Amino acid sequence: MKVVRRYHVVLVTLHWLLAAMILTNLVVGFAQLFMSNSNPDKITVLLLHMAGGTVILTLMAIRLIVRWRTAKPSPALTGKPFLNRMARLSHYGFYVLVVLMVATGFGIAIPADLPAIVFAGSGDSLPANFGAFPFFLVHFALGAMLVVLVAIHVFHGLLAPGRNEGPADEPDGVRQSSCG
């Protein structure tokens, strides 16, 4: 494969789109914890959260295929072997966590009959407490892990010193993740 300085524009676009969607879905997911299941607005919030998770999974699959099929720049290194390993693991971790988040989301939604309530408008009430479903705590814990992984990813992107062409004060992780 040819040597490139930046990731493919489709990969970068998907990166930033997914970053915004994942952060939004995490905020919506954690915010709904403070809503009563008897609140009629919670169905709308669940619809956004569930649809968002499904779209995120689909875009992550597309991103993975594009990543496999396009040339990649050399890794953005921090000069710290441990942080470089963590960055590499965090990239794979995103894919694993997103798949597990969606799987555990389905593990809550199906026994709670959420597709009928949220998408088909069955008129049935939401379960009194999602905590009664075994996958709920796992889904919550995975969400917390995803927050930590996002923080590690951002930290690494900002720490990687500039060693490619471009502004000397622009970290490699940021430069490689931009379209310009």
C-alpha atoms as a PDB file:
ATOM      1  CA  MET A   1       0.000   0.000   0.000  1.00  0.00           C
ATOM      2  CA  LYS A   2       1.191   3.528  -0.683  1.00  0.00           C
ATOM      3  CA  VAL A   3       2.553   5.753   2.080  1.00  0.00           C
ATOM      4  CA  VAL A   4       0.164   8.518   3.146  1.00  0.00           C
ATOM      5  CA  ARG A   5       0.318  11.333   5.690  1.00  0.00           C
ATOM      6  CA  ARG A   6      -3.378  11.359   6.551  1.00  0.00           C
ATOM      7  CA  TYR A   7      -6.240   8.953   6.823  1.00  0.00           C
ATOM      8  CA  HIS A   8      -8.673   8.687   3.902  1.00  0.00           C
ATOM      9  CA  VAL A   9     -11.278  11.472   3.905  1.00  0.00           C
ATOM     10  CA  VAL A  10     -14.136   8.958   4.308  1.00  0.00           C
ATOM     11  CA  LEU A  11     -12.401   7.467   7.350  1.00  0.00           C
ATOM     12  CA  VAL A  12     -11.844  10.906   8.876  1.00  0.00           C
ATOM     13  CA  THR A  13     -15.425  11.967   8.182  1.00  0.00           C
ATOM     14  CA  LEU A  14     -16.761   8.774   9.769  1.00  0.00           C
ATOM     15  CA  HIS A  15     -14.389   9.279  12.720  1.00  0.00           C
ATOM     16  CA  TRP A  16     -15.774  12.723  13.562  1.00  0.00           C
ATOM     17  CA  LEU A  17     -19.382  11.793  12.789  1.00  0.00           C
ATOM     18  CA  LEU A  18     -19.098   8.755  15.042  1.00  0.00           C
ATOM     19  CA  ALA A  19     -17.356  10.808  17.748  1.00  0.00           C
ATOM     20  CA  ALA A  20     -20.284  13.236  17.815  1.00  0.00           C
ATOM     21  CA  MET A  21     -22.868  10.445  17.701  1.00  0.00           C
ATOM     22  CA  ILE A  22     -21.189   8.347  20.401  1.00  0.00           C
ATOM     23  CA  LEU A  23     -20.858  11.337  22.757  1.00  0.00           C
ATOM     24  CA  THR A  24     -24.469  12.323  22.103  1.00  0.00           C
ATOM     25  CA  ASN A  25     -25.724   8.779  22.672  1.00  0.00           C
ATOM     26  CA  LEU A  26     -23.718   8.509  25.901  1.00  0.00           C
ATOM     27  CA  VAL A  27     -25.186  11.785  27.171  1.00  0.00           C
ATOM     28  CA  VAL A  28     -28.719  10.720  26.191  1.00  0.00           C
ATOM     29  CA  GLY A  29     -28.175   7.270  27.709  1.00  0.00           C
ATOM     30  CA  PHE A  30     -26.912   8.569  31.032  1.00  0.00           C
ATOM     31  CA  ALA A  31     -29.479  11.410  31.124  1.00  0.00           C
ATOM     32  CA  GLN A  32     -32.401   9.025  30.777  1.00  0.00           C
ATOM     33  CA  LEU A  33     -31.316   7.367  34.024  1.00  0.00           C
ATOM     34  CA  PHE A  34     -32.750  10.440  35.744  1.00  0.00           C
ATOM     35  CA  MET A  35     -36.115  10.159  33.967  1.00  0.00           C
ATOM     36  CA  SER A  36     -38.930   8.147  35.428  1.00  0.00           C
ATOM     37  CA  ASN A  37     -40.118   5.292  33.240  1.00  0.00           C
ATOM     38  CA  SER A  38     -43.648   6.645  33.739  1.00  0.00           C
ATOM     39  CA  ASN A  39     -42.657   9.921  32.032  1.00  0.00           C
ATOM     40  CA  PRO A  40     -44.192   9.781  28.524  1.00  0.00           C
ATOM     41  CA  ASP A  41     -41.199  11.718  27.122  1.00  0.00           C
ATOM     42  CA  LYS A  42     -38.928   8.813  28.024  1.00  0.00           C
ATOM     43  CA  ILE A  43     -40.241   6.844  25.034  1.00  0.00           C
ATOM     44  CA  THR A  44     -38.969   9.583  22.698  1.00  0.00           C
ATOM     45  CA  VAL A  45     -35.606   9.628  24.484  1.00  0.00           C
ATOM     46  CA  LEU A  46     -35.388   5.829  24.199  1.00  0.00           C
ATOM     47  CA  LEU A  47     -36.256   6.040  20.508  1.00  0.00           C
ATOM     48  CA  LEU A  48     -33.354   8.455  19.941  1.00  0.00           C
ATOM     49  CA  HIS A  49     -30.996   6.351  22.061  1.00  0.00           C
ATOM     50  CA  MET A  50     -31.912   3.029  20.440  1.00  0.00           C
ATOM     51  CA  ALA A  51     -31.941   4.362  16.882  1.00  0.00           C
ATOM     52  CA  GLY A  52     -28.672   6.196  17.562  1.00  0.00           C
ATOM     53  CA  GLY A  53     -27.026   3.017  18.814  1.00  0.00           C
ATOM     54  CA  THR A  54     -28.109   1.109  15.728  1.00  0.00           C
ATOM     55  CA  VAL A  55     -26.820   3.833  13.390  1.00  0.00           C
ATOM     56  CA  ILE A  56     -23.526   3.958  15.333  1.00  0.00           C
ATOM     57  CA  LEU A  57     -23.081   0.200  14.939  1.00  0.00           C
ATOM     58  CA  THR A  58     -23.765   0.432  11.202  1.00  0.00           C
ATOM     59  CA  LEU A  59     -21.347   3.340  10.703  1.00  0.00           C
ATOM     60  CA  MET A  60     -18.681   1.570  12.782  1.00  0.00           C
ATOM     61  CA  ALA A  61     -18.961  -1.466  10.491  1.00  0.00           C
ATOM     62  CA  ILE A  62     -18.590   0.764   7.436  1.00  0.00           C
ATOM     63  CA  ARG A  63     -15.645   2.551   9.064  1.00  0.00           C
ATOM     64  CA  LEU A  64     -13.920  -0.745   9.814  1.00  0.00           C
ATOM     65  CA  ILE A  65     -14.261  -1.847   6.183  1.00  0.00           C
ATOM     66  CA  VAL A  66     -12.921   1.499   4.925  1.00  0.00           C
ATOM     67  CA  ARG A  67     -10.064   1.268   7.441  1.00  0.00           C
ATOM     68  CA  TRP A  68      -9.092  -2.188   6.158  1.00  0.00           C
ATOM     69  CA  ARG A  69      -9.242  -1.122   2.515  1.00  0.00           C
ATOM     70  CA  THR A  70      -7.430   2.238   2.576  1.00  0.00           C
ATOM     71  CA  ALA A  71      -3.825   3.293   3.177  1.00  0.00           C
ATOM     72  CA  LYS A  72      -3.012   4.511   6.677  1.00  0.00           C
ATOM     73  CA  PRO A  73      -0.329   6.919   7.885  1.00  0.00           C
ATOM     74  CA  SER A  74       2.269   5.703  10.347  1.00  0.00           C
ATOM     75  CA  PRO A  75       0.959   5.697  13.925  1.00  0.00           C
ATOM     76  CA  ALA A  76       0.988   8.977  15.842  1.00  0.00           C
ATOM     77  CA  LEU A  77       3.479   8.238  18.628  1.00  0.00           C
ATOM     78  CA  THR A  78       3.751   9.977  21.986  1.00  0.00           C
ATOM     79  CA  GLY A  79       7.293   8.884  22.793  1.00  0.00           C
ATOM     80  CA  LYS A  80       5.859   6.814  25.649  1.00  0.00           C
ATOM     81  CA  PRO A  81       5.582   3.094  24.744  1.00  0.00           C
ATOM     82  CA  PHE A  82       2.825   2.462  27.291  1.00  0.00           C
ATOM     83  CA  LEU A  83       0.646   5.294  25.909  1.00  0.00           C
ATOM     84  CA  ASN A  84       1.284   4.118  22.346  1.00  0.00           C
ATOM     85  CA  ARG A  85       0.107   0.593  23.270  1.00  0.00           C
ATOM     86  CA  MET A  86      -2.943   2.035  25.030  1.00  0.00           C
ATOM     87  CA  ALA A  87      -3.797   4.070  21.927  1.00  0.00           C
ATOM     88  CA  ARG A  88      -3.630   0.988  19.714  1.00  0.00           C
ATOM     89  CA  LEU A  89      -5.752  -1.021  22.145  1.00  0.00           C
ATOM     90  CA  SER A  90      -8.243   1.835  22.468  1.00  0.00           C
ATOM     91  CA  HIS A  91      -8.913   1.775  18.724  1.00  0.00           C
ATOM     92  CA  TYR A  92      -9.805  -1.908  18.832  1.00  0.00           C
ATOM     93  CA  GLY A  93     -11.602  -1.315  22.113  1.00  0.00           C
ATOM     94  CA  PHE A  94     -13.985   1.145  20.463  1.00  0.00           C
ATOM     95  CA  TYR A  95     -15.168  -1.508  18.029  1.00  0.00           C
ATOM     96  CA  VAL A  96     -15.535  -4.134  20.759  1.00  0.00           C
ATOM     97  CA  LEU A  97     -17.338  -1.804  23.161  1.00  0.00           C
ATOM     98  CA  VAL A  98     -19.748  -0.523  20.518  1.00  0.00           C
ATOM     99  CA  VAL A  99     -20.703  -4.064  19.517  1.00  0.00           C
ATOM    100  CA  LEU A 100     -21.148  -5.024  23.175  1.00  0.00           C
ATOM    101  CA  MET A 101     -23.150  -1.855  23.888  1.00  0.00           C
ATOM    102  CA  VAL A 102     -25.564  -2.639  21.063  1.00  0.00           C
ATOM    103  CA  ALA A 103     -25.753  -6.324  22.041  1.00  0.00           C
ATOM    104  CA  THR A 104     -26.558  -5.505  25.676  1.00  0.00           C
ATOM    105  CA  GLY A 105     -28.994  -2.835  24.485  1.00  0.00           C
ATOM    106  CA  PHE A 106     -30.814  -5.548  22.545  1.00  0.00           C
ATOM    107  CA  GLY A 107     -30.536  -7.716  25.672  1.00  0.00           C
ATOM    108  CA  ILE A 108     -32.583  -5.101  27.500  1.00  0.00           C
ATOM    109  CA  ALA A 109     -34.888  -4.047  24.657  1.00  0.00           C
ATOM    110  CA  ILE A 110     -36.139  -7.450  23.559  1.00  0.00           C
ATOM    111  CA  PRO A 111     -37.267  -8.826  26.954  1.00  0.00           C
ATOM    112  CA  ALA A 112     -38.679  -5.373  27.854  1.00  0.00           C
ATOM    113  CA  ASP A 113     -40.639  -5.349  24.557  1.00  0.00           C
ATOM    114  CA  LEU A 114     -39.140  -1.950  23.722  1.00  0.00           C
ATOM    115  CA  PRO A 115     -39.308  -2.367  19.929  1.00  0.00           C
ATOM    116  CA  ALA A 116     -43.111  -2.586  20.160  1.00  0.00           C
ATOM    117  CA  ILE A 117     -43.388   0.216  22.731  1.00  0.00           C
ATOM    118  CA  VAL A 118     -40.812   2.611  21.265  1.00  0.00           C
ATOM    119  CA  PHE A 119     -40.911   2.008  17.506  1.00  0.00           C
ATOM    120  CA  ALA A 120     -44.339   0.502  16.850  1.00  0.00           C
ATOM    121  CA  GLY A 121     -46.227   2.693  19.331  1.00  0.00           C
ATOM    122  CA  SER A 122     -48.019  -0.219  20.994  1.00  0.00           C
ATOM    123  CA  GLY A 123     -49.240   2.037  23.792  1.00  0.00           C
ATOM    124  CA  ASP A 124     -47.928  -0.329  26.442  1.00  0.00           C
ATOM    125  CA  SER A 125     -46.131   1.167  29.420  1.00  0.00           C
ATOM    126  CA  LEU A 126     -42.405   0.955  29.869  1.00  0.00           C
ATOM    127  CA  PRO A 127     -41.232  -1.524  32.502  1.00  0.00           C
ATOM    128  CA  ALA A 128     -41.210   0.008  35.972  1.00  0.00           C
ATOM    129  CA  ASN A 129     -37.433  -0.397  36.300  1.00  0.00           C
ATOM    130  CA  PHE A 130     -34.855  -1.315  33.658  1.00  0.00           C
ATOM    131  CA  GLY A 131     -32.536  -2.372  36.479  1.00  0.00           C
ATOM    132  CA  ALA A 132     -34.610  -5.546  36.710  1.00  0.00           C
ATOM    133  CA  PHE A 133     -33.151  -6.684  33.387  1.00  0.00           C
ATOM    134  CA  PRO A 134     -29.829  -8.550  33.710  1.00  0.00           C
ATOM    135  CA  PHE A 135     -28.108  -6.705  30.857  1.00  0.00           C
ATOM    136  CA  PHE A 136     -28.916  -3.251  32.242  1.00  0.00           C
ATOM    137  CA  LEU A 137     -25.957  -3.076  34.632  1.00  0.00           C
ATOM    138  CA  VAL A 138     -23.647  -4.482  31.962  1.00  0.00           C
ATOM    139  CA  HIS A 139     -24.904  -1.856  29.478  1.00  0.00           C
ATOM    140  CA  PHE A 140     -24.323   0.868  32.081  1.00  0.00           C
ATOM    141  CA  ALA A 141     -20.808  -0.407  32.897  1.00  0.00           C
ATOM    142  CA  LEU A 142     -19.914  -0.599  29.195  1.00  0.00           C
ATOM    143  CA  GLY A 143     -21.118   2.995  28.794  1.00  0.00           C
ATOM    144  CA  ALA A 144     -18.821   4.066  31.625  1.00  0.00           C
ATOM    145  CA  MET A 145     -15.942   2.162  30.003  1.00  0.00           C
ATOM    146  CA  LEU A 146     -16.676   3.900  26.709  1.00  0.00           C
ATOM    147  CA  VAL A 147     -16.417   7.284  28.458  1.00  0.00           C
ATOM    148  CA  VAL A 148     -12.979   6.298  29.784  1.00  0.00           C
ATOM    149  CA  LEU A 149     -11.915   5.045  26.348  1.00  0.00           C
ATOM    150  CA  VAL A 150     -12.978   8.329  24.728  1.00  0.00           C
ATOM    151  CA  ALA A 151     -10.885  10.212  27.307  1.00  0.00           C
ATOM    152  CA  ILE A 152      -7.840   8.014  26.576  1.00  0.00           C
ATOM    153  CA  HIS A 153      -8.322   8.495  22.841  1.00  0.00           C
ATOM    154  CA  VAL A 154      -8.537  12.286  23.149  1.00  0.00           C
ATOM    155  CA  PHE A 155      -5.573  12.371  25.554  1.00  0.00           C
ATOM    156  CA  HIS A 156      -3.411  10.388  23.121  1.00  0.00           C
ATOM    157  CA  GLY A 157      -4.438  12.508  20.139  1.00  0.00           C
ATOM    158  CA  LEU A 158      -3.446  15.658  21.977  1.00  0.00           C
ATOM    159  CA  LEU A 159      -0.196  14.179  23.340  1.00  0.00           C
ATOM    160  CA  ALA A 160       1.245  12.821  20.094  1.00  0.00           C
ATOM    161  CA  PRO A 161       3.976  15.311  19.108  1.00  0.00           C
ATOM    162  CA  GLY A 162       4.019  16.761  15.584  1.00  0.00           C
ATOM    163  CA  ARG A 163       6.502  14.840  13.450  1.00  0.00           C
ATOM    164  CA  ASN A 164       4.794  14.943  10.050  1.00  0.00           C
ATOM    165  CA  GLU A 165       4.664  17.934   7.751  1.00  0.00           C
ATOM    166  CA  GLY A 166       2.337  20.641   8.938  1.00  0.00           C
ATOM    167  CA  PRO A 167       2.198  23.144  11.762  1.00  0.00           C
ATOM    168  CA  ALA A 168       4.761  22.242  14.411  1.00  0.00           C
ATOM    169  CA  ASP A 169       2.295  22.945  17.206  1.00  0.00           C
ATOM    170  CA  GLU A 170      -0.372  20.595  15.814  1.00  0.00           C
ATOM    171  CA  PRO A 171      -0.179  17.110  17.381  1.00  0.00           C
ATOM    172  CA  ASP A 172       0.052  14.167  14.960  1.00  0.00           C
ATOM    173  CA  GLY A 173      -3.111  12.572  16.303  1.00  0.00           C
ATOM    174  CA  VAL A 174      -5.037  15.740  15.488  1.00  0.00           C
ATOM    175  CA  ARG A 175      -3.377  16.243  12.095  1.00  0.00           C
ATOM    176  CA  GLN A 176      -4.019  12.673  10.962  1.00  0.00           C
ATOM    177  CA  SER A 177      -7.672  12.971  12.010  1.00  0.00           C
ATOM    178  CA  SER A 178      -8.344  16.059   9.912  1.00  0.00           C
ATOM    179  CA  CYS A 179      -9.292  16.314   6.263  1.00  0.00           C
ATOM    180  CA  GLY A 180      -7.002  19.242   5.358  1.00  0.00           C
END
